[in-house]
Amino acid sequence: MIFYFYLKDIDAYEVDHVGIELALLNAAVREAIRASRETVAEIVLLGEAVDGRTFENADGHGAILRTVVFRGSLGIDKPADSRNAPVSSSVSARDKL
């Protein structure tokens, strides 16, 4: 399945028109977390704020399946329950992995 990674910022929204072929949604989430960490490193080096930036994982129809929050991907604000990931879901319980 092709997953798209939309970059949402405080001032902008960038739509991914290419996407990446991955087998499962959780692989797309892992890729979004990895990419957000790389992007955060670049943002910090430029002295910019990280807050408010997210990657939205979308399917081929543009439906947002998961949202990865950049700040959450760093593990800075880890909740006591480590099962909670820096991800929010836009799919029903039936569609979860």
PDB file of N, CA and C in Angstrom:
ATOM      1  N   MET A   1       0.842  -1.171   0.000  1.00  0.00           N
ATOM      2  CA  MET A   1       0.000   0.000   0.000  1.00  0.00           C
ATOM      3  C   MET A   1       0.893   1.242   0.000  1.00  0.00           C
ATOM      4  N   ILE A   2       0.468   2.278  -0.682  1.00  0.00           N
ATOM      5  CA  ILE A   2       1.227   3.528  -0.685  1.00  0.00           C
ATOM      6  C   ILE A   2       0.685   4.429   0.417  1.00  0.00           C
ATOM      7  N   PHE A   3       1.612   4.922   1.244  1.00  0.00           N
ATOM      8  CA  PHE A   3       1.270   5.852   2.317  1.00  0.00           C
ATOM      9  C   PHE A   3       1.877   7.203   1.986  1.00  0.00           C
ATOM     10  N   TYR A   4       1.142   8.251   2.305  1.00  0.00           N
ATOM     11  CA  TYR A   4       1.578   9.612   2.053  1.00  0.00           C
ATOM     12  C   TYR A   4       1.835  10.296   3.389  1.00  0.00           C
ATOM     13  N   PHE A   5       2.820  11.196   3.396  1.00  0.00           N
ATOM     14  CA  PHE A   5       3.242  11.866   4.620  1.00  0.00           C
ATOM     15  C   PHE A   5       3.043  13.364   4.445  1.00  0.00           C
ATOM     16  N   TYR A   6       1.952  13.878   4.984  1.00  0.00           N
ATOM     17  CA  TYR A   6       1.666  15.302   4.901  1.00  0.00           C
ATOM     18  C   TYR A   6       2.344  15.998   6.073  1.00  0.00           C
ATOM     19  N   LEU A   7       3.036  17.079   5.787  1.00  0.00           N
ATOM     20  CA  LEU A   7       3.729  17.837   6.817  1.00  0.00           C
ATOM     21  C   LEU A   7       2.859  19.024   7.211  1.00  0.00           C
ATOM     22  N   LYS A   8       2.462  19.033   8.464  1.00  0.00           N
ATOM     23  CA  LYS A   8       1.626  20.120   8.979  1.00  0.00           C
ATOM     24  C   LYS A   8       2.473  20.962   9.916  1.00  0.00           C
ATOM     25  N   ASP A   9       2.488  22.253   9.646  1.00  0.00           N
ATOM     26  CA  ASP A   9       3.262  23.199  10.424  1.00  0.00           C
ATOM     27  C   ASP A   9       2.296  24.264  10.930  1.00  0.00           C
ATOM     28  N   ILE A  10       2.787  25.149  11.767  1.00  0.00           N
ATOM     29  CA  ILE A  10       1.948  26.227  12.281  1.00  0.00           C
ATOM     30  C   ILE A  10       1.443  27.100  11.135  1.00  0.00           C
ATOM     31  N   ASP A  11       2.299  27.361  10.156  1.00  0.00           N
ATOM     32  CA  ASP A  11       1.971  28.276   9.063  1.00  0.00           C
ATOM     33  C   ASP A  11       1.687  27.601   7.730  1.00  0.00           C
ATOM     34  N   ALA A  12       1.928  26.305   7.615  1.00  0.00           N
ATOM     35  CA  ALA A  12       1.847  25.670   6.301  1.00  0.00           C
ATOM     36  C   ALA A  12       1.358  24.229   6.390  1.00  0.00           C
ATOM     37  N   TYR A  13       0.958  23.719   5.233  1.00  0.00           N
ATOM     38  CA  TYR A  13       0.532  22.333   5.108  1.00  0.00           C
ATOM     39  C   TYR A  13       1.079  21.825   3.777  1.00  0.00           C
ATOM     40  N   GLU A  14       1.992  20.867   3.835  1.00  0.00           N
ATOM     41  CA  GLU A  14       2.598  20.339   2.618  1.00  0.00           C
ATOM     42  C   GLU A  14       2.049  18.948   2.330  1.00  0.00           C
ATOM     43  N   VAL A  15       1.477  18.801   1.150  1.00  0.00           N
ATOM     44  CA  VAL A  15       0.908  17.525   0.738  1.00  0.00           C
ATOM     45  C   VAL A  15       1.966  16.713   0.002  1.00  0.00           C
ATOM     46  N   ASP A  16       2.102  15.458   0.382  1.00  0.00           N
ATOM     47  CA  ASP A  16       3.024  14.531  -0.261  1.00  0.00           C
ATOM     48  C   ASP A  16       2.309  13.948  -1.477  1.00  0.00           C
ATOM     49  N   HIS A  17       2.858  14.175  -2.659  1.00  0.00           N
ATOM     50  CA  HIS A  17       2.240  13.661  -3.883  1.00  0.00           C
ATOM     51  C   HIS A  17       2.901  12.376  -4.374  1.00  0.00           C
ATOM     52  N   VAL A  18       3.991  11.959  -3.705  1.00  0.00           N
ATOM     53  CA  VAL A  18       4.731  10.785  -4.141  1.00  0.00           C
ATOM     54  C   VAL A  18       4.403   9.567  -3.294  1.00  0.00           C
ATOM     55  N   GLY A  19       4.534   9.693  -1.985  1.00  0.00           N
ATOM     56  CA  GLY A  19       4.252   8.584  -1.080  1.00  0.00           C
ATOM     57  C   GLY A  19       5.358   7.549  -1.048  1.00  0.00           C
ATOM     58  N   ILE A  20       5.158   6.569  -0.159  1.00  0.00           N
ATOM     59  CA  ILE A  20       6.102   5.470   0.001  1.00  0.00           C
ATOM     60  C   ILE A  20       5.310   4.167   0.063  1.00  0.00           C
ATOM     61  N   GLU A  21       5.778   3.178  -0.638  1.00  0.00           N
ATOM     62  CA  GLU A  21       5.162   1.851  -0.624  1.00  0.00           C
ATOM     63  C   GLU A  21       5.624   1.116   0.634  1.00  0.00           C
ATOM     64  N   LEU A  22       4.682   0.795   1.501  1.00  0.00           N
ATOM     65  CA  LEU A  22       4.966   0.048   2.725  1.00  0.00           C
ATOM     66  C   LEU A  22       3.878  -1.002   2.917  1.00  0.00           C
ATOM     67  N   ALA A  23       4.220  -2.078   3.607  1.00  0.00           N
ATOM     68  CA  ALA A  23       3.283  -3.187   3.764  1.00  0.00           C
ATOM     69  C   ALA A  23       2.143  -2.874   4.723  1.00  0.00           C
ATOM     70  N   LEU A  24       2.454  -2.185   5.826  1.00  0.00           N
ATOM     71  CA  LEU A  24       1.452  -1.981   6.877  1.00  0.00           C
ATOM     72  C   LEU A  24       1.463  -0.548   7.385  1.00  0.00           C
ATOM     73  N   LEU A  25       0.361  -0.152   7.978  1.00  0.00           N
ATOM     74  CA  LEU A  25       0.258   1.181   8.563  1.00  0.00           C
ATOM     75  C   LEU A  25       1.293   1.395   9.658  1.00  0.00           C
ATOM     76  N   ASN A  26       1.558   0.385  10.484  1.00  0.00           N
ATOM     77  CA  ASN A  26       2.545   0.592  11.558  1.00  0.00           C
ATOM     78  C   ASN A  26       3.933   0.861  10.988  1.00  0.00           C
ATOM     79  N   ALA A  27       4.246   0.354   9.807  1.00  0.00           N
ATOM     80  CA  ALA A  27       5.524   0.672   9.150  1.00  0.00           C
ATOM     81  C   ALA A  27       5.528   2.141   8.717  1.00  0.00           C
ATOM     82  N   ALA A  28       4.397   2.641   8.273  1.00  0.00           N
ATOM     83  CA  ALA A  28       4.286   4.051   7.898  1.00  0.00           C
ATOM     84  C   ALA A  28       4.442   4.948   9.125  1.00  0.00           C
ATOM     85  N   VAL A  29       3.885   4.529  10.246  1.00  0.00           N
ATOM     86  CA  VAL A  29       4.020   5.293  11.491  1.00  0.00           C
ATOM     87  C   VAL A  29       5.486   5.319  11.926  1.00  0.00           C
ATOM     88  N   ARG A  30       6.151   4.172  11.875  1.00  0.00           N
ATOM     89  CA  ARG A  30       7.573   4.119  12.235  1.00  0.00           C
ATOM     90  C   ARG A  30       8.400   5.037  11.337  1.00  0.00           C
ATOM     91  N   GLU A  31       8.088   5.050  10.050  1.00  0.00           N
ATOM     92  CA  GLU A  31       8.796   5.915   9.106  1.00  0.00           C
ATOM     93  C   GLU A  31       8.530   7.387   9.426  1.00  0.00           C
ATOM     94  N   ALA A  32       7.301   7.723   9.783  1.00  0.00           N
ATOM     95  CA  ALA A  32       6.970   9.104  10.147  1.00  0.00           C
ATOM     96  C   ALA A  32       7.703   9.528  11.415  1.00  0.00           C
ATOM     97  N   ILE A  33       7.812   8.630  12.388  1.00  0.00           N
ATOM     98  CA  ILE A  33       8.546   8.934  13.615  1.00  0.00           C
ATOM     99  C   ILE A  33      10.026   9.160  13.298  1.00  0.00           C
ATOM    100  N   ARG A  34      10.616   8.285  12.480  1.00  0.00           N
ATOM    101  CA  ARG A  34      12.022   8.435  12.092  1.00  0.00           C
ATOM    102  C   ARG A  34      12.244   9.755  11.361  1.00  0.00           C
ATOM    103  N   ALA A  35      11.384  10.052  10.405  1.00  0.00           N
ATOM    104  CA  ALA A  35      11.519  11.284   9.622  1.00  0.00           C
ATOM    105  C   ALA A  35      11.299  12.523  10.489  1.00  0.00           C
ATOM    106  N   SER A  36      10.379  12.440  11.444  1.00  0.00           N
ATOM    107  CA  SER A  36      10.147  13.599  12.317  1.00  0.00           C
ATOM    108  C   SER A  36      11.367  13.863  13.184  1.00  0.00           C
ATOM    109  N   ARG A  37      12.032  12.813  13.641  1.00  0.00           N
ATOM    110  CA  ARG A  37      13.249  12.998  14.450  1.00  0.00           C
ATOM    111  C   ARG A  37      14.359  13.652  13.628  1.00  0.00           C
ATOM    112  N   GLU A  38      14.509  13.240  12.380  1.00  0.00           N
ATOM    113  CA  GLU A  38      15.509  13.871  11.505  1.00  0.00           C
ATOM    114  C   GLU A  38      15.173  15.340  11.276  1.00  0.00           C
ATOM    115  N   THR A  39      13.894  15.607  11.047  1.00  0.00           N
ATOM    116  CA  THR A  39      13.454  16.976  10.797  1.00  0.00           C
ATOM    117  C   THR A  39      13.648  17.843  12.030  1.00  0.00           C
ATOM    118  N   VAL A  40      13.353  17.293  13.207  1.00  0.00           N
ATOM    119  CA  VAL A  40      13.548  18.035  14.454  1.00  0.00           C
ATOM    120  C   VAL A  40      15.011  18.424  14.605  1.00  0.00           C
ATOM    121  N   ALA A  41      15.920  17.520  14.290  1.00  0.00           N
ATOM    122  CA  ALA A  41      17.349  17.829  14.386  1.00  0.00           C
ATOM    123  C   ALA A  41      17.696  19.034  13.505  1.00  0.00           C
ATOM    124  N   GLU A  42      17.173  19.055  12.303  1.00  0.00           N
ATOM    125  CA  GLU A  42      17.412  20.176  11.394  1.00  0.00           C
ATOM    126  C   GLU A  42      16.793  21.462  11.937  1.00  0.00           C
ATOM    127  N   ILE A  43      15.577  21.362  12.478  1.00  0.00           N
ATOM    128  CA  ILE A  43      14.874  22.531  13.025  1.00  0.00           C
ATOM    129  C   ILE A  43      15.655  23.121  14.194  1.00  0.00           C
ATOM    130  N   VAL A  44      16.135  22.261  15.078  1.00  0.00           N
ATOM    131  CA  VAL A  44      16.893  22.716  16.248  1.00  0.00           C
ATOM    132  C   VAL A  44      18.178  23.411  15.802  1.00  0.00           C
ATOM    133  N   LEU A  45      18.863  22.861  14.823  1.00  0.00           N
ATOM    134  CA  LEU A  45      20.092  23.486  14.331  1.00  0.00           C
ATOM    135  C   LEU A  45      19.838  24.874  13.739  1.00  0.00           C
ATOM    136  N   LEU A  46      18.639  25.067  13.198  1.00  0.00           N
ATOM    137  CA  LEU A  46      18.278  26.374  12.626  1.00  0.00           C
ATOM    138  C   LEU A  46      17.740  27.332  13.693  1.00  0.00           C
ATOM    139  N   GLY A  47      17.545  26.821  14.907  1.00  0.00           N
ATOM    140  CA  GLY A  47      17.046  27.659  15.994  1.00  0.00           C
ATOM    141  C   GLY A  47      15.560  27.939  15.922  1.00  0.00           C
ATOM    142  N   GLU A  48      14.819  27.109  15.229  1.00  0.00           N
ATOM    143  CA  GLU A  48      13.379  27.299  15.092  1.00  0.00           C
ATOM    144  C   GLU A  48      12.621  26.480  16.131  1.00  0.00           C
ATOM    145  N   ALA A  49      11.344  26.802  16.315  1.00  0.00           N
ATOM    146  CA  ALA A  49      10.489  26.090  17.268  1.00  0.00           C
ATOM    147  C   ALA A  49       9.988  24.786  16.661  1.00  0.00           C
ATOM    148  N   VAL A  50       9.904  23.766  17.488  1.00  0.00           N
ATOM    149  CA  VAL A  50       9.435  22.446  17.056  1.00  0.00           C
ATOM    150  C   VAL A  50       7.930  22.309  17.249  1.00  0.00           C
ATOM    151  N   ASP A  51       7.384  22.978  18.233  1.00  0.00           N
ATOM    152  CA  ASP A  51       5.970  22.826  18.592  1.00  0.00           C
ATOM    153  C   ASP A  51       5.032  23.029  17.410  1.00  0.00           C
ATOM    154  N   GLY A  52       3.995  22.218  17.370  1.00  0.00           N
ATOM    155  CA  GLY A  52       2.950  22.356  16.364  1.00  0.00           C
ATOM    156  C   GLY A  52       3.182  21.616  15.065  1.00  0.00           C
ATOM    157  N   ARG A  53       4.317  20.999  14.896  1.00  0.00           N
ATOM    158  CA  ARG A  53       4.612  20.296  13.644  1.00  0.00           C
ATOM    159  C   ARG A  53       4.224  18.823  13.753  1.00  0.00           C
ATOM    160  N   THR A  54       3.625  18.317  12.703  1.00  0.00           N
ATOM    161  CA  THR A  54       3.215  16.914  12.674  1.00  0.00           C
ATOM    162  C   THR A  54       3.398  16.346  11.275  1.00  0.00           C
ATOM    163  N   PHE A  55       3.479  15.018  11.209  1.00  0.00           N
ATOM    164  CA  PHE A  55       3.322  14.291   9.960  1.00  0.00           C
ATOM    165  C   PHE A  55       1.978  13.599  10.037  1.00  0.00           C
ATOM    166  N   GLU A  56       1.196  13.711   8.990  1.00  0.00           N
ATOM    167  CA  GLU A  56      -0.062  12.981   8.910  1.00  0.00           C
ATOM    168  C   GLU A  56       0.125  11.858   7.895  1.00  0.00           C
ATOM    169  N   ASN A  57      -0.087  10.625   8.330  1.00  0.00           N
ATOM    170  CA  ASN A  57      -0.048   9.480   7.418  1.00  0.00           C
ATOM    171  C   ASN A  57      -1.399   9.381   6.739  1.00  0.00           C
ATOM    172  N   ALA A  58      -1.389   9.411   5.417  1.00  0.00           N
ATOM    173  CA  ALA A  58      -2.632   9.358   4.654  1.00  0.00           C
ATOM    174  C   ALA A  58      -2.601   8.186   3.684  1.00  0.00           C
ATOM    175  N   ASP A  59      -3.790   7.730   3.320  1.00  0.00           N
ATOM    176  CA  ASP A  59      -3.886   6.680   2.313  1.00  0.00           C
ATOM    177  C   ASP A  59      -4.021   7.323   0.932  1.00  0.00           C
ATOM    178  N   GLY A  60      -4.195   6.520  -0.093  1.00  0.00           N
ATOM    179  CA  GLY A  60      -4.292   7.001  -1.460  1.00  0.00           C
ATOM    180  C   GLY A  60      -5.508   7.860  -1.749  1.00  0.00           C
ATOM    181  N   HIS A  61      -6.486   7.850  -0.851  1.00  0.00           N
ATOM    182  CA  HIS A  61      -7.688   8.669  -1.017  1.00  0.00           C
ATOM    183  C   HIS A  61      -7.585   9.975  -0.243  1.00  0.00           C
ATOM    184  N   GLY A  62      -6.458  10.174   0.444  1.00  0.00           N
ATOM    185  CA  GLY A  62      -6.265  11.394   1.219  1.00  0.00           C
ATOM    186  C   GLY A  62      -6.794  11.326   2.641  1.00  0.00           C
ATOM    187  N   ALA A  63      -7.315  10.164   3.042  1.00  0.00           N
ATOM    188  CA  ALA A  63      -7.818  10.009   4.408  1.00  0.00           C
ATOM    189  C   ALA A  63      -6.641   9.934   5.379  1.00  0.00           C
ATOM    190  N   ILE A  64      -6.682  10.743   6.424  1.00  0.00           N
ATOM    191  CA  ILE A  64      -5.620  10.744   7.433  1.00  0.00           C
ATOM    192  C   ILE A  64      -5.821   9.535   8.333  1.00  0.00           C
ATOM    193  N   LEU A  65      -4.807   8.674   8.395  1.00  0.00           N
ATOM    194  CA  LEU A  65      -4.890   7.441   9.173  1.00  0.00           C
ATOM    195  C   LEU A  65      -4.264   7.586  10.552  1.00  0.00           C
ATOM    196  N   ARG A  66      -3.143   8.279  10.620  1.00  0.00           N
ATOM    197  CA  ARG A  66      -2.439   8.521  11.882  1.00  0.00           C
ATOM    198  C   ARG A  66      -1.750   9.880  11.795  1.00  0.00           C
ATOM    199  N   THR A  67      -1.559  10.480  12.953  1.00  0.00           N
ATOM    200  CA  THR A  67      -0.816  11.734  13.046  1.00  0.00           C
ATOM    201  C   THR A  67       0.340  11.523  14.009  1.00  0.00           C
ATOM    202  N   VAL A  68       1.545  11.855  13.561  1.00  0.00           N
ATOM    203  CA  VAL A  68       2.738  11.748  14.400  1.00  0.00           C
ATOM    204  C   VAL A  68       3.174  13.165  14.776  1.00  0.00           C
ATOM    205  N   VAL A  69       3.162  13.451  16.066  1.00  0.00           N
ATOM    206  CA  VAL A  69       3.540  14.761  16.586  1.00  0.00           C
ATOM    207  C   VAL A  69       5.057  14.794  16.755  1.00  0.00           C
ATOM    208  N   PHE A  70       5.704  15.778  16.144  1.00  0.00           N
ATOM    209  CA  PHE A  70       7.162  15.854  16.196  1.00  0.00           C
ATOM    210  C   PHE A  70       7.670  15.832  17.627  1.00  0.00           C
ATOM    211  N   ARG A  71       7.145  16.693  18.468  1.00  0.00           N
ATOM    212  CA  ARG A  71       7.615  16.786  19.851  1.00  0.00           C
ATOM    213  C   ARG A  71       7.453  15.442  20.561  1.00  0.00           C
ATOM    214  N   GLY A  72       6.357  14.755  20.319  1.00  0.00           N
ATOM    215  CA  GLY A  72       6.118  13.460  20.939  1.00  0.00           C
ATOM    216  C   GLY A  72       7.069  12.384  20.460  1.00  0.00           C
ATOM    217  N   SER A  73       7.584  12.524  19.245  1.00  0.00           N
ATOM    218  CA  SER A  73       8.480  11.507  18.696  1.00  0.00           C
ATOM    219  C   SER A  73       9.851  11.512  19.367  1.00  0.00           C
ATOM    220  N   LEU A  74      10.151  12.572  20.104  1.00  0.00           N
ATOM    221  CA  LEU A  74      11.455  12.679  20.763  1.00  0.00           C
ATOM    222  C   LEU A  74      11.515  11.938  22.088  1.00  0.00           C
ATOM    223  N   GLY A  75      10.365  11.626  22.668  1.00  0.00           N
ATOM    224  CA  GLY A  75      10.345  10.945  23.947  1.00  0.00           C
ATOM    225  C   GLY A  75      10.576  11.880  25.119  1.00  0.00           C
ATOM    226  N   ILE A  76      10.545  13.182  24.880  1.00  0.00           N
ATOM    227  CA  ILE A  76      10.761  14.165  25.939  1.00  0.00           C
ATOM    228  C   ILE A  76       9.630  14.125  26.956  1.00  0.00           C
ATOM    229  N   ASP A  77       8.418  14.076  26.466  1.00  0.00           N
ATOM    230  CA  ASP A  77       7.234  14.125  27.315  1.00  0.00           C
ATOM    231  C   ASP A  77       6.596  12.746  27.439  1.00  0.00           C
ATOM    232  N   LYS A  78       7.404  11.712  27.614  1.00  0.00           N
ATOM    233  CA  LYS A  78       6.886  10.346  27.666  1.00  0.00           C
ATOM    234  C   LYS A  78       5.897  10.184  28.806  1.00  0.00           C
ATOM    235  N   PRO A  79       4.719   9.643  28.501  1.00  0.00           N
ATOM    236  CA  PRO A  79       3.744   9.385  29.557  1.00  0.00           C
ATOM    237  C   PRO A  79       4.204   8.222  30.436  1.00  0.00           C
ATOM    238  N   ALA A  80       3.649   8.150  31.630  1.00  0.00           N
ATOM    239  CA  ALA A  80       3.994   7.066  32.555  1.00  0.00           C
ATOM    240  C   ALA A  80       3.690   5.714  31.926  1.00  0.00           C
ATOM    241  N   ASP A  81       2.629   5.634  31.140  1.00  0.00           N
ATOM    242  CA  ASP A  81       2.265   4.400  30.451  1.00  0.00           C
ATOM    243  C   ASP A  81       2.979   4.393  29.111  1.00  0.00           C
ATOM    244  N   SER A  82       4.089   3.664  28.988  1.00  0.00           N
ATOM    245  CA  SER A  82       4.920   3.689  27.787  1.00  0.00           C
ATOM    246  C   SER A  82       4.236   3.072  26.569  1.00  0.00           C
ATOM    247  N   ARG A  83       3.065   2.480  26.757  1.00  0.00           N
ATOM    248  CA  ARG A  83       2.343   1.944  25.600  1.00  0.00           C
ATOM    249  C   ARG A  83       1.758   3.064  24.754  1.00  0.00           C
ATOM    250  N   ASN A  84       1.622   4.263  25.326  1.00  0.00           N
ATOM    251  CA  ASN A  84       1.115   5.405  24.576  1.00  0.00           C
ATOM    252  C   ASN A  84       2.207   5.917  23.667  1.00  0.00           C
ATOM    253  N   ALA A  85       1.943   5.960  22.385  1.00  0.00           N
ATOM    254  CA  ALA A  85       2.922   6.405  21.405  1.00  0.00           C
ATOM    255  C   ALA A  85       2.651   7.859  21.045  1.00  0.00           C
ATOM    256  N   PRO A  86       3.583   8.531  20.349  1.00  0.00           N
ATOM    257  CA  PRO A  86       3.393   9.911  19.933  1.00  0.00           C
ATOM    258  C   PRO A  86       2.506   9.982  18.696  1.00  0.00           C
ATOM    259  N   VAL A  87       1.431   9.213  18.713  1.00  0.00           N
ATOM    260  CA  VAL A  87       0.605   9.038  17.524  1.00  0.00           C
ATOM    261  C   VAL A  87      -0.850   9.189  17.910  1.00  0.00           C
ATOM    262  N   SER A  88      -1.612   9.845  17.072  1.00  0.00           N
ATOM    263  CA  SER A  88      -3.050   9.860  17.274  1.00  0.00           C
ATOM    264  C   SER A  88      -3.678   9.156  16.081  1.00  0.00           C
ATOM    265  N   SER A  89      -4.838   8.590  16.309  1.00  0.00           N
ATOM    266  CA  SER A  89      -5.466   7.768  15.287  1.00  0.00           C
ATOM    267  C   SER A  89      -6.696   8.431  14.715  1.00  0.00           C
ATOM    268  N   SER A  90      -6.879   8.278  13.423  1.00  0.00           N
ATOM    269  CA  SER A  90      -8.080   8.746  12.763  1.00  0.00           C
ATOM    270  C   SER A  90      -8.904   7.590  12.213  1.00  0.00           C
ATOM    271  N   VAL A  91      -8.538   6.378  12.584  1.00  0.00           N
ATOM    272  CA  VAL A  91      -9.251   5.211  12.083  1.00  0.00           C
ATOM    273  C   VAL A  91     -10.030   4.583  13.214  1.00  0.00           C
ATOM    274  N   SER A  92     -10.991   3.766  12.869  1.00  0.00           N
ATOM    275  CA  SER A  92     -11.807   3.105  13.876  1.00  0.00           C
ATOM    276  C   SER A  92     -11.038   1.964  14.533  1.00  0.00           C
ATOM    277  N   ALA A  93     -11.526   1.495  15.660  1.00  0.00           N
ATOM    278  CA  ALA A  93     -10.882   0.385  16.365  1.00  0.00           C
ATOM    279  C   ALA A  93     -10.777  -0.845  15.471  1.00  0.00           C
ATOM    280  N   ARG A  94     -11.741  -1.026  14.582  1.00  0.00           N
ATOM    281  CA  ARG A  94     -11.750  -2.163  13.661  1.00  0.00           C
ATOM    282  C   ARG A  94     -10.532  -2.126  12.740  1.00  0.00           C
ATOM    283  N   ASP A  95     -10.065  -0.921  12.386  1.00  0.00           N
ATOM    284  CA  ASP A  95      -8.965  -0.777  11.436  1.00  0.00           C
ATOM    285  C   ASP A  95      -7.596  -0.751  12.086  1.00  0.00           C
ATOM    286  N   LYS A  96      -7.535  -0.712  13.409  1.00  0.00           N
ATOM    287  CA  LYS A  96      -6.242  -0.651  14.096  1.00  0.00           C
ATOM    288  C   LYS A  96      -5.481  -1.937  13.904  1.00  0.00           C
ATOM    289  N   LEU A  97      -4.153  -1.818  13.943  1.00  0.00           N
ATOM    290  CA  LEU A  97      -3.279  -2.993  13.764  1.00  0.00           C
ATOM    291  C   LEU A  97      -3.275  -3.866  14.972  1.00  0.00           C
TER     292      LEU A  97
END
